[in-house]
């Protein structure tokens, strides 16, 4: 797994932890959500700044969504200048 995978998965993991265990940890659920999003931003910022400063676009191979003999559909993560800006918003 690359850094781009973790940028996507950390907020999802935080949401799942809060969804299943949030009532058992009422004081910690806010911290878990904040930590998940903040750590995702901390991983995304260097990637976004390197692309925005003239670096090459970053592509991470993702998951095979569908595969048939005639067609193979992959879910890839790609960061260019526009998506680099959106990572920081």
Protein backbone atom coordinates (compact mmCIF):
# COMPACT_ATOMS: atom_id res chain seq x y z
CA UNK A 1 0.00 0.00 0.00
CA UNK A 2 1.24 3.43 -0.87
CA UNK A 3 0.73 6.76 0.87
CA UNK A 4 -2.18 7.61 -1.44
CA UNK A 5 -4.02 4.52 -0.30
CA UNK A 6 -3.64 5.62 3.33
CA UNK A 7 -4.87 9.13 2.48
CA UNK A 8 -8.16 7.58 1.39
CA UNK A 9 -8.38 4.78 3.96
CA UNK A 10 -7.58 6.66 7.20
CA UNK A 11 -10.81 8.73 7.27
CA UNK A 12 -12.79 5.65 6.29
CA UNK A 13 -11.21 3.66 9.13
CA UNK A 14 -11.93 6.50 11.56
CA UNK A 15 -15.56 6.60 10.48
CA UNK A 16 -15.91 2.83 10.84
CA UNK A 17 -14.37 2.87 14.32
CA UNK A 18 -16.74 5.64 15.35
CA UNK A 19 -19.71 3.89 13.79
CA UNK A 20 -19.15 0.59 15.57
CA UNK A 21 -17.48 1.66 18.82
CA UNK A 22 -18.47 5.33 19.19
CA UNK A 23 -21.16 4.75 21.81
CA UNK A 24 -18.75 2.76 23.95
CA UNK A 25 -16.18 5.59 23.84
CA UNK A 26 -18.21 8.82 23.96
CA UNK A 27 -15.27 11.04 24.86
CA UNK A 28 -12.86 9.49 22.38
CA UNK A 29 -15.02 9.46 19.25
CA UNK A 30 -14.29 13.10 18.46
CA UNK A 31 -10.58 12.53 18.92
CA UNK A 32 -10.62 9.45 16.69
CA UNK A 33 -12.34 11.31 13.86
CA UNK A 34 -10.07 14.32 14.19
CA UNK A 35 -6.94 12.17 14.35
CA UNK A 36 -7.99 10.19 11.27
CA UNK A 37 -8.61 13.31 9.17
CA UNK A 38 -5.53 15.15 10.47
CA UNK A 39 -3.24 12.21 9.79
CA UNK A 40 -4.72 11.84 6.31
CA UNK A 41 -4.00 15.53 5.67
CA UNK A 42 -0.46 15.12 7.02
CA UNK A 43 0.15 12.34 4.51
CA UNK A 44 -1.54 14.20 1.64
CA UNK A 45 0.20 17.56 2.06
CA UNK A 46 3.71 16.50 0.91
CA UNK A 47 2.24 14.75 -2.13
CA UNK A 48 0.14 17.78 -3.05
CA UNK A 49 2.99 20.25 -2.59
CA UNK A 50 5.38 18.17 -4.69
CA UNK A 51 2.85 18.01 -7.54
CA UNK A 52 1.95 21.70 -7.23
CA UNK A 53 5.61 22.72 -7.33
CA UNK A 54 6.06 21.25 -10.78
CA UNK A 55 6.57 17.60 -9.98
CA UNK A 56 5.19 14.77 -12.04
CA UNK A 57 1.66 13.56 -11.34
CA UNK A 58 1.52 10.68 -8.87
CA UNK A 59 -0.40 7.51 -9.66
CA UNK A 60 -0.97 4.62 -7.29
CA UNK A 61 -2.29 1.36 -8.61
CA UNK A 62 -5.50 0.52 -6.91
CA UNK A 63 -7.87 -2.40 -6.97
CA UNK A 64 -9.22 -4.52 -9.78
CA UNK A 65 -12.87 -3.50 -9.96
CA UNK A 66 -13.94 -5.84 -12.71
CA UNK A 67 -12.18 -8.24 -15.01
CA UNK A 68 -13.48 -10.10 -18.01
CA UNK A 69 -11.53 -11.48 -20.95
CA UNK A 70 -12.47 -8.43 -23.03
CA UNK A 71 -12.37 -5.69 -20.38
CA UNK A 72 -10.42 -5.01 -17.22
CA UNK A 73 -11.45 -2.08 -15.02
CA UNK A 74 -8.97 -0.86 -12.40
CA UNK A 75 -9.57 1.69 -9.66
CA UNK A 76 -6.39 3.81 -9.57
CA UNK A 77 -5.54 6.89 -7.52
CA UNK A 78 -4.06 9.79 -9.50
CA UNK A 79 -2.87 13.16 -8.17
CA UNK A 80 -2.32 15.97 -10.65
CA UNK A 81 -2.37 19.72 -9.99
CA UNK A 82 -6.13 19.98 -9.64
CA UNK A 83 -6.48 17.00 -7.32
CA UNK A 84 -3.41 18.25 -5.42
CA UNK A 85 -5.29 21.47 -4.64
CA UNK A 86 -8.36 19.47 -3.64
CA UNK A 87 -6.27 17.36 -1.25
CA UNK A 88 -5.44 20.53 0.65
CA UNK A 89 -9.00 21.87 0.84
